[in-house]
């Protein structure tokens, strides 16, 4: 937005971040002080305001429909139901082992979850009733004699068994497995 006849301001690049409220509290306060004394940046902000306003999320179809029905019937507006996703909670399933259930497929007898092992925790020996897939997110995990690191993937076939699964450091992994696995 700068014109060739005026010298550009060094702060102009920060005006867009200020306009979309992307600055931290102290940076925003500094920008407000600067805006009070810089006509160039005030012009830039004024030019950005309609663009920023246009980026705001429009009302959902349900909200617009609720407004229209209320307007046409003369009744009060009934708000559409809230669709907030709720984060699954961690549940302790054994000493030092917590799980967060992501999905359960009863028909296929599959379950997916995030599993967290505390340092020194061991998962009980078990036999795989179906394919088990594990993706290690953080920490280190031993599966029998194999040590996994963050980013590693492990696949176990049906009928195989893990004698010892443990973490010296603690770890977090995504686990997709059968609901029919047999603990020993």
C-alpha atoms as a PDB file:
ATOM      1  CA  UNK A   1       0.000   0.000   0.000  1.00  0.00           C
ATOM      2  CA  UNK A   2       2.988   2.302  -0.011  1.00  0.00           C
ATOM      3  CA  UNK A   3       3.113   5.126  -2.523  1.00  0.00           C
ATOM      4  CA  UNK A   4       6.390   6.070  -4.242  1.00  0.00           C
ATOM      5  CA  UNK A   5       6.425   9.648  -2.988  1.00  0.00           C
ATOM      6  CA  UNK A   6       6.533   8.725   0.737  1.00  0.00           C
ATOM      7  CA  UNK A   7       9.191   6.822   2.601  1.00  0.00           C
ATOM      8  CA  UNK A   8       7.955   3.392   3.782  1.00  0.00           C
ATOM      9  CA  UNK A   9       7.753   2.720   7.518  1.00  0.00           C
ATOM     10  CA  UNK A  10       9.797  -0.156   8.967  1.00  0.00           C
ATOM     11  CA  UNK A  11       6.772  -1.220  11.061  1.00  0.00           C
ATOM     12  CA  UNK A  12       4.366  -1.550   8.096  1.00  0.00           C
ATOM     13  CA  UNK A  13       4.990  -5.292   7.781  1.00  0.00           C
ATOM     14  CA  UNK A  14       3.716  -5.804  11.333  1.00  0.00           C
ATOM     15  CA  UNK A  15       0.441  -3.991  10.600  1.00  0.00           C
ATOM     16  CA  UNK A  16      -1.047  -7.050   8.864  1.00  0.00           C
ATOM     17  CA  UNK A  17      -0.185  -9.265  11.837  1.00  0.00           C
ATOM     18  CA  UNK A  18      -1.774  -6.676  14.111  1.00  0.00           C
ATOM     19  CA  UNK A  19      -4.887  -6.541  11.901  1.00  0.00           C
ATOM     20  CA  UNK A  20      -5.490 -10.286  12.225  1.00  0.00           C
ATOM     21  CA  UNK A  21      -4.642 -10.246  15.954  1.00  0.00           C
ATOM     22  CA  UNK A  22      -1.555 -12.413  15.487  1.00  0.00           C
ATOM     23  CA  UNK A  23       0.753 -10.326  17.682  1.00  0.00           C
ATOM     24  CA  UNK A  24       1.445 -11.090  21.306  1.00  0.00           C
ATOM     25  CA  UNK A  25       0.080  -8.739  23.959  1.00  0.00           C
ATOM     26  CA  UNK A  26       3.289  -6.694  24.329  1.00  0.00           C
ATOM     27  CA  UNK A  27       3.834  -6.470  20.537  1.00  0.00           C
ATOM     28  CA  UNK A  28       0.185  -5.405  20.055  1.00  0.00           C
ATOM     29  CA  UNK A  29       0.570  -2.703  22.716  1.00  0.00           C
ATOM     30  CA  UNK A  30       3.742  -1.436  21.008  1.00  0.00           C
ATOM     31  CA  UNK A  31       1.960  -1.397  17.652  1.00  0.00           C
ATOM     32  CA  UNK A  32      -0.922   0.629  19.134  1.00  0.00           C
ATOM     33  CA  UNK A  33       1.553   3.221  20.402  1.00  0.00           C
ATOM     34  CA  UNK A  34       3.216   3.260  16.975  1.00  0.00           C
ATOM     35  CA  UNK A  35      -0.112   3.603  15.143  1.00  0.00           C
ATOM     36  CA  UNK A  36      -0.878   6.737  17.157  1.00  0.00           C
ATOM     37  CA  UNK A  37       2.174   8.438  15.649  1.00  0.00           C
ATOM     38  CA  UNK A  38       2.446   6.874  12.157  1.00  0.00           C
ATOM     39  CA  UNK A  39      -0.015   7.952   9.469  1.00  0.00           C
ATOM     40  CA  UNK A  40       1.448   5.446   6.981  1.00  0.00           C
ATOM     41  CA  UNK A  41       0.688   2.461   9.247  1.00  0.00           C
ATOM     42  CA  UNK A  42      -2.776   3.835  10.114  1.00  0.00           C
ATOM     43  CA  UNK A  43      -3.538   3.987   6.372  1.00  0.00           C
ATOM     44  CA  UNK A  44      -2.275   0.434   5.941  1.00  0.00           C
ATOM     45  CA  UNK A  45      -4.490  -0.754   8.821  1.00  0.00           C
ATOM     46  CA  UNK A  46      -7.527   1.080   7.391  1.00  0.00           C
ATOM     47  CA  UNK A  47      -6.944  -0.588   4.017  1.00  0.00           C
ATOM     48  CA  UNK A  48      -6.645  -4.042   5.644  1.00  0.00           C
ATOM     49  CA  UNK A  49      -9.767  -3.801   7.835  1.00  0.00           C
ATOM     50  CA  UNK A  50     -12.329  -4.622   5.078  1.00  0.00           C
ATOM     51  CA  UNK A  51     -10.218  -7.589   3.990  1.00  0.00           C
ATOM     52  CA  UNK A  52      -9.924  -8.929   7.538  1.00  0.00           C
ATOM     53  CA  UNK A  53     -13.657  -8.466   8.123  1.00  0.00           C
ATOM     54  CA  UNK A  54     -14.341 -10.385   4.906  1.00  0.00           C
ATOM     55  CA  UNK A  55     -12.283 -13.302   6.213  1.00  0.00           C
ATOM     56  CA  UNK A  56     -14.398 -13.768   9.310  1.00  0.00           C
ATOM     57  CA  UNK A  57     -16.319 -17.039   9.186  1.00  0.00           C
ATOM     58  CA  UNK A  58     -19.819 -16.574   7.793  1.00  0.00           C
ATOM     59  CA  UNK A  59     -22.786 -17.842   9.761  1.00  0.00           C
ATOM     60  CA  UNK A  60     -23.466 -21.514   9.231  1.00  0.00           C
ATOM     61  CA  UNK A  61     -26.355 -22.650   7.072  1.00  0.00           C
ATOM     62  CA  UNK A  62     -28.177 -23.776  10.232  1.00  0.00           C
ATOM     63  CA  UNK A  63     -27.744 -20.351  11.836  1.00  0.00           C
ATOM     64  CA  UNK A  64     -29.004 -18.543   8.733  1.00  0.00           C
ATOM     65  CA  UNK A  65     -31.963 -20.911   8.501  1.00  0.00           C
ATOM     66  CA  UNK A  66     -32.801 -20.392  12.193  1.00  0.00           C
ATOM     67  CA  UNK A  67     -32.715 -16.611  11.669  1.00  0.00           C
ATOM     68  CA  UNK A  68     -34.946 -16.849   8.607  1.00  0.00           C
ATOM     69  CA  UNK A  69     -37.513 -19.084  10.315  1.00  0.00           C
ATOM     70  CA  UNK A  70     -37.612 -16.793  13.343  1.00  0.00           C
ATOM     71  CA  UNK A  71     -38.062 -13.762  11.091  1.00  0.00           C
ATOM     72  CA  UNK A  72     -40.844 -15.329   9.026  1.00  0.00           C
ATOM     73  CA  UNK A  73     -42.758 -16.855  11.939  1.00  0.00           C
ATOM     74  CA  UNK A  74     -42.254 -14.056  14.443  1.00  0.00           C
ATOM     75  CA  UNK A  75     -41.009 -16.567  17.003  1.00  0.00           C
ATOM     76  CA  UNK A  76     -37.751 -16.420  18.906  1.00  0.00           C
ATOM     77  CA  UNK A  77     -34.661 -17.842  17.249  1.00  0.00           C
ATOM     78  CA  UNK A  78     -33.755 -21.409  18.172  1.00  0.00           C
ATOM     79  CA  UNK A  79     -29.993 -21.846  18.059  1.00  0.00           C
ATOM     80  CA  UNK A  80     -28.642 -24.881  16.214  1.00  0.00           C
ATOM     81  CA  UNK A  81     -27.120 -27.560  18.424  1.00  0.00           C
ATOM     82  CA  UNK A  82     -23.483 -27.083  19.357  1.00  0.00           C
ATOM     83  CA  UNK A  83     -21.058 -29.448  17.664  1.00  0.00           C
ATOM     84  CA  UNK A  84     -18.012 -29.137  19.842  1.00  0.00           C
ATOM     85  CA  UNK A  85     -15.613 -32.049  19.662  1.00  0.00           C
ATOM     86  CA  UNK A  86     -14.666 -33.336  23.065  1.00  0.00           C
ATOM     87  CA  UNK A  87     -11.145 -34.538  23.660  1.00  0.00           C
ATOM     88  CA  UNK A  88     -11.143 -38.157  24.903  1.00  0.00           C
ATOM     89  CA  UNK A  89      -9.883 -38.500  28.454  1.00  0.00           C
ATOM     90  CA  UNK A  90      -6.871 -40.481  29.585  1.00  0.00           C
ATOM     91  CA  UNK A  91      -7.809 -43.598  31.554  1.00  0.00           C
ATOM     92  CA  UNK A  92      -5.396 -45.575  33.669  1.00  0.00           C
ATOM     93  CA  UNK A  93      -5.718 -49.220  32.588  1.00  0.00           C
ATOM     94  CA  UNK A  94      -2.815 -50.642  34.592  1.00  0.00           C
ATOM     95  CA  UNK A  95      -0.100 -49.225  36.836  1.00  0.00           C
ATOM     96  CA  UNK A  96       1.924 -46.785  34.716  1.00  0.00           C
ATOM     97  CA  UNK A  97      -0.223 -47.312  31.603  1.00  0.00           C
ATOM     98  CA  UNK A  98      -2.827 -44.815  30.372  1.00  0.00           C
ATOM     99  CA  UNK A  99      -4.983 -45.000  27.251  1.00  0.00           C
ATOM    100  CA  UNK A 100      -7.056 -42.508  25.330  1.00  0.00           C
ATOM    101  CA  UNK A 101      -9.664 -44.293  23.204  1.00  0.00           C
ATOM    102  CA  UNK A 102      -9.901 -42.836  19.689  1.00  0.00           C
ATOM    103  CA  UNK A 103     -12.247 -45.278  17.953  1.00  0.00           C
ATOM    104  CA  UNK A 104     -13.819 -48.693  18.388  1.00  0.00           C
ATOM    105  CA  UNK A 105     -15.108 -50.825  15.504  1.00  0.00           C
ATOM    106  CA  UNK A 106     -17.198 -53.592  17.056  1.00  0.00           C
ATOM    107  CA  UNK A 107     -18.000 -55.147  13.684  1.00  0.00           C
ATOM    108  CA  UNK A 108     -14.313 -55.615  12.790  1.00  0.00           C
ATOM    109  CA  UNK A 109     -13.256 -56.122  16.416  1.00  0.00           C
ATOM    110  CA  UNK A 110     -10.688 -53.290  16.121  1.00  0.00           C
ATOM    111  CA  UNK A 111      -9.747 -50.512  18.474  1.00  0.00           C
ATOM    112  CA  UNK A 112      -7.501 -47.482  18.049  1.00  0.00           C
ATOM    113  CA  UNK A 113      -6.057 -45.550  20.946  1.00  0.00           C
ATOM    114  CA  UNK A 114      -3.205 -43.417  22.153  1.00  0.00           C
ATOM    115  CA  UNK A 115      -1.225 -45.273  24.808  1.00  0.00           C
ATOM    116  CA  UNK A 116       1.140 -43.691  27.293  1.00  0.00           C
ATOM    117  CA  UNK A 117       3.604 -45.707  29.363  1.00  0.00           C
ATOM    118  CA  UNK A 118       5.316 -44.143  32.380  1.00  0.00           C
ATOM    119  CA  UNK A 119       9.072 -44.682  32.756  1.00  0.00           C
ATOM    120  CA  UNK A 120       9.689 -48.314  33.714  1.00  0.00           C
ATOM    121  CA  UNK A 121       6.115 -49.425  32.920  1.00  0.00           C
ATOM    122  CA  UNK A 122       5.494 -52.794  31.268  1.00  0.00           C
ATOM    123  CA  UNK A 123       2.566 -53.898  29.136  1.00  0.00           C
ATOM    124  CA  UNK A 124       1.507 -57.476  29.910  1.00  0.00           C
ATOM    125  CA  UNK A 125       2.649 -60.259  27.572  1.00  0.00           C
ATOM    126  CA  UNK A 126      -0.035 -60.866  24.949  1.00  0.00           C
ATOM    127  CA  UNK A 127      -0.962 -62.740  21.787  1.00  0.00           C
ATOM    128  CA  UNK A 128      -2.294 -60.856  18.765  1.00  0.00           C
ATOM    129  CA  UNK A 129      -5.753 -61.986  17.636  1.00  0.00           C
ATOM    130  CA  UNK A 130      -5.538 -59.655  14.633  1.00  0.00           C
ATOM    131  CA  UNK A 131      -3.051 -57.285  13.051  1.00  0.00           C
ATOM    132  CA  UNK A 132      -1.523 -54.889  15.575  1.00  0.00           C
ATOM    133  CA  UNK A 133      -0.109 -51.576  14.343  1.00  0.00           C
ATOM    134  CA  UNK A 134       1.908 -49.316  16.586  1.00  0.00           C
ATOM    135  CA  UNK A 135       3.395 -45.898  15.740  1.00  0.00           C
ATOM    136  CA  UNK A 136       5.705 -44.475  18.402  1.00  0.00           C
ATOM    137  CA  UNK A 137       5.192 -40.741  18.917  1.00  0.00           C
ATOM    138  CA  UNK A 138       7.720 -40.002  21.658  1.00  0.00           C
ATOM    139  CA  UNK A 139      10.042 -41.719  24.101  1.00  0.00           C
ATOM    140  CA  UNK A 140      11.484 -45.189  23.589  1.00  0.00           C
ATOM    141  CA  UNK A 141       9.669 -48.527  23.608  1.00  0.00           C
ATOM    142  CA  UNK A 142      11.037 -52.036  23.751  1.00  0.00           C
ATOM    143  CA  UNK A 143       9.059 -54.844  22.114  1.00  0.00           C
ATOM    144  CA  UNK A 144      10.885 -58.001  23.109  1.00  0.00           C
ATOM    145  CA  UNK A 145      14.459 -57.403  21.817  1.00  0.00           C
ATOM    146  CA  UNK A 146      13.592 -54.529  19.432  1.00  0.00           C
ATOM    147  CA  UNK A 147      13.965 -50.929  20.589  1.00  0.00           C
ATOM    148  CA  UNK A 148      11.665 -48.380  18.911  1.00  0.00           C
ATOM    149  CA  UNK A 149      12.339 -44.655  18.646  1.00  0.00           C
ATOM    150  CA  UNK A 150       9.983 -41.731  17.858  1.00  0.00           C
ATOM    151  CA  UNK A 151       8.581 -42.167  14.350  1.00  0.00           C
ATOM    152  CA  UNK A 152       9.107 -45.947  14.291  1.00  0.00           C
ATOM    153  CA  UNK A 153       6.288 -48.250  13.188  1.00  0.00           C
ATOM    154  CA  UNK A 154       5.738 -51.826  14.309  1.00  0.00           C
ATOM    155  CA  UNK A 155       3.328 -54.312  12.751  1.00  0.00           C
ATOM    156  CA  UNK A 156       2.517 -57.635  14.393  1.00  0.00           C
ATOM    157  CA  UNK A 157       0.605 -60.324  12.521  1.00  0.00           C
ATOM    158  CA  UNK A 158      -2.273 -62.411  13.955  1.00  0.00           C
ATOM    159  CA  UNK A 159      -1.076 -65.347  16.029  1.00  0.00           C
ATOM    160  CA  UNK A 160       2.232 -63.711  17.001  1.00  0.00           C
ATOM    161  CA  UNK A 161       2.982 -62.756  20.596  1.00  0.00           C
ATOM    162  CA  UNK A 162       4.890 -60.085  22.485  1.00  0.00           C
ATOM    163  CA  UNK A 163       6.588 -61.485  25.578  1.00  0.00           C
ATOM    164  CA  UNK A 164       7.833 -58.159  26.939  1.00  0.00           C
ATOM    165  CA  UNK A 165       6.734 -54.616  26.032  1.00  0.00           C
ATOM    166  CA  UNK A 166       8.181 -51.883  28.222  1.00  0.00           C
ATOM    167  CA  UNK A 167       9.610 -48.396  28.297  1.00  0.00           C
ATOM    168  CA  UNK A 168      12.648 -47.308  30.244  1.00  0.00           C
ATOM    169  CA  UNK A 169      12.073 -43.610  29.458  1.00  0.00           C
ATOM    170  CA  UNK A 170       8.283 -43.523  29.174  1.00  0.00           C
ATOM    171  CA  UNK A 171       6.602 -43.189  25.797  1.00  0.00           C
ATOM    172  CA  UNK A 172       3.456 -42.334  23.865  1.00  0.00           C
ATOM    173  CA  UNK A 173       2.216 -44.300  20.868  1.00  0.00           C
ATOM    174  CA  UNK A 174      -0.784 -44.765  18.617  1.00  0.00           C
ATOM    175  CA  UNK A 175      -1.995 -48.363  18.781  1.00  0.00           C
ATOM    176  CA  UNK A 176      -4.503 -50.024  16.460  1.00  0.00           C
ATOM    177  CA  UNK A 177      -5.237 -53.587  17.437  1.00  0.00           C
ATOM    178  CA  UNK A 178      -7.841 -56.302  17.893  1.00  0.00           C
ATOM    179  CA  UNK A 179     -10.303 -56.208  20.787  1.00  0.00           C
ATOM    180  CA  UNK A 180      -9.729 -59.966  21.098  1.00  0.00           C
ATOM    181  CA  UNK A 181      -5.997 -59.877  21.960  1.00  0.00           C
ATOM    182  CA  UNK A 182      -5.216 -62.392  24.690  1.00  0.00           C
ATOM    183  CA  UNK A 183      -3.258 -61.184  27.709  1.00  0.00           C
ATOM    184  CA  UNK A 184      -1.074 -63.845  29.355  1.00  0.00           C
END
